[in-house]
């Protein structure tokens, strides 16, 4: 997976930001890995965690469902929980071709 400089910058913000407005903006990124990083950030609020819990990309919604701020209870069939979905690697450094 090739990551552009812009995406790396967004990923750094998604991981490190404590500003809810910035995190909300990043949660609307077209990049799945940016939204996934936001979903893992403990500084998101419940509303954003719950919104990301219904992201159309399971890699994002799974991480949001596991964020302590999420109040959504949703069952995901175990057969859908592939290695990529449950991967805990830092999105800034992952190389999906090695899995």
Protein backbone atom coordinates (compact mmCIF):
# COMPACT_ATOMS: atom_id res chain seq x y z
CA UNK A 1 0.00 0.00 0.00
CA UNK A 2 1.45 3.34 -1.04
CA UNK A 3 0.59 6.20 1.32
CA UNK A 4 0.84 9.79 0.13
CA UNK A 5 2.32 12.59 2.23
CA UNK A 6 -1.13 14.13 2.66
CA UNK A 7 -2.50 10.88 4.06
CA UNK A 8 0.46 10.49 6.42
CA UNK A 9 -0.17 14.01 7.73
CA UNK A 10 -3.85 13.19 8.26
CA UNK A 11 -2.94 9.91 9.96
CA UNK A 12 -0.64 11.70 12.39
CA UNK A 13 -3.44 14.12 13.23
CA UNK A 14 -5.99 11.28 13.50
CA UNK A 15 -3.79 9.49 16.04
CA UNK A 16 -2.62 12.48 18.06
CA UNK A 17 -5.36 15.10 17.97
CA UNK A 18 -7.36 15.96 21.05
CA UNK A 19 -9.47 18.51 19.15
CA UNK A 20 -12.93 17.05 18.56
CA UNK A 21 -13.61 19.40 15.62
CA UNK A 22 -10.43 18.27 13.88
CA UNK A 23 -11.29 14.63 14.57
CA UNK A 24 -14.78 15.12 13.13
CA UNK A 25 -13.26 16.58 9.96
CA UNK A 26 -10.82 13.67 9.68
CA UNK A 27 -13.67 11.18 10.23
CA UNK A 28 -15.13 12.41 6.94
CA UNK A 29 -11.95 11.61 5.01
CA UNK A 30 -12.36 9.51 1.90
CA UNK A 31 -9.37 7.49 3.12
CA UNK A 32 -10.39 4.38 5.04
CA UNK A 33 -7.13 4.28 6.99
CA UNK A 34 -7.62 7.86 8.20
CA UNK A 35 -11.17 7.09 9.38
CA UNK A 36 -9.88 3.89 11.02
CA UNK A 37 -7.19 5.85 12.88
CA UNK A 38 -9.84 8.32 14.09
CA UNK A 39 -12.00 5.40 15.25
CA UNK A 40 -9.09 4.19 17.42
CA UNK A 41 -8.40 7.62 18.96
CA UNK A 42 -9.51 7.69 22.63
CA UNK A 43 -10.17 11.43 22.35
CA UNK A 44 -13.21 11.07 20.09
CA UNK A 45 -16.56 11.63 21.74
CA UNK A 46 -19.42 9.15 21.98
CA UNK A 47 -21.32 10.69 19.08
CA UNK A 48 -18.36 10.32 16.72
CA UNK A 49 -17.54 6.81 17.95
CA UNK A 50 -21.15 5.80 17.39
CA UNK A 51 -21.21 7.39 13.93
CA UNK A 52 -18.04 5.56 12.91
CA UNK A 53 -19.53 2.32 14.27
CA UNK A 54 -21.74 2.34 11.17
CA UNK A 55 -19.01 3.23 8.66
CA UNK A 56 -19.58 1.22 5.46
CA UNK A 57 -16.02 -0.15 5.70
CA UNK A 58 -15.86 -2.91 8.30
CA UNK A 59 -12.20 -2.10 9.07
CA UNK A 60 -13.40 1.28 10.37
CA UNK A 61 -16.64 0.27 12.07
CA UNK A 62 -14.96 -2.62 13.92
CA UNK A 63 -12.38 -0.27 15.46
CA UNK A 64 -15.08 2.24 16.39
CA UNK A 65 -17.16 -0.47 18.04
CA UNK A 66 -14.12 -1.35 20.15
CA UNK A 67 -13.44 2.25 21.14
CA UNK A 68 -14.37 2.74 24.83
CA UNK A 69 -16.46 5.78 23.87
CA UNK A 70 -18.80 3.76 21.63
CA UNK A 71 -22.18 2.85 23.08
CA UNK A 72 -23.29 0.95 19.97
CA UNK A 73 -23.84 -2.77 20.40
CA UNK A 74 -23.57 -4.49 17.05
CA UNK A 75 -22.84 -8.11 16.28
CA UNK A 76 -20.38 -8.76 13.50
CA UNK A 77 -20.35 -12.33 12.23
CA UNK A 78 -17.02 -13.96 13.12
CA UNK A 79 -16.60 -14.99 9.48
CA UNK A 80 -16.37 -11.27 8.58
CA UNK A 81 -13.58 -10.61 11.07
CA UNK A 82 -10.64 -11.15 8.76
CA UNK A 83 -7.01 -10.45 9.71
CA UNK A 84 -7.25 -7.04 8.07
CA UNK A 85 -10.36 -6.05 10.03
CA UNK A 86 -8.97 -6.96 13.45
CA UNK A 87 -5.39 -5.84 12.73
CA UNK A 88 -4.06 -3.63 15.54
CA UNK A 89 -1.04 -2.28 13.64
CA UNK A 90 -0.49 1.46 13.48
CA UNK A 91 -1.92 2.63 10.15
CA UNK A 92 1.03 4.97 9.65
CA UNK A 93 3.46 2.07 9.44
CA UNK A 94 1.46 -0.89 8.21
CA UNK A 95 2.33 -2.75 5.04
CA UNK A 96 -0.71 -4.77 4.13
CA UNK A 97 1.21 -6.71 1.50
CA UNK A 98 3.07 -8.53 4.29
CA UNK A 99 -0.01 -10.07 5.92
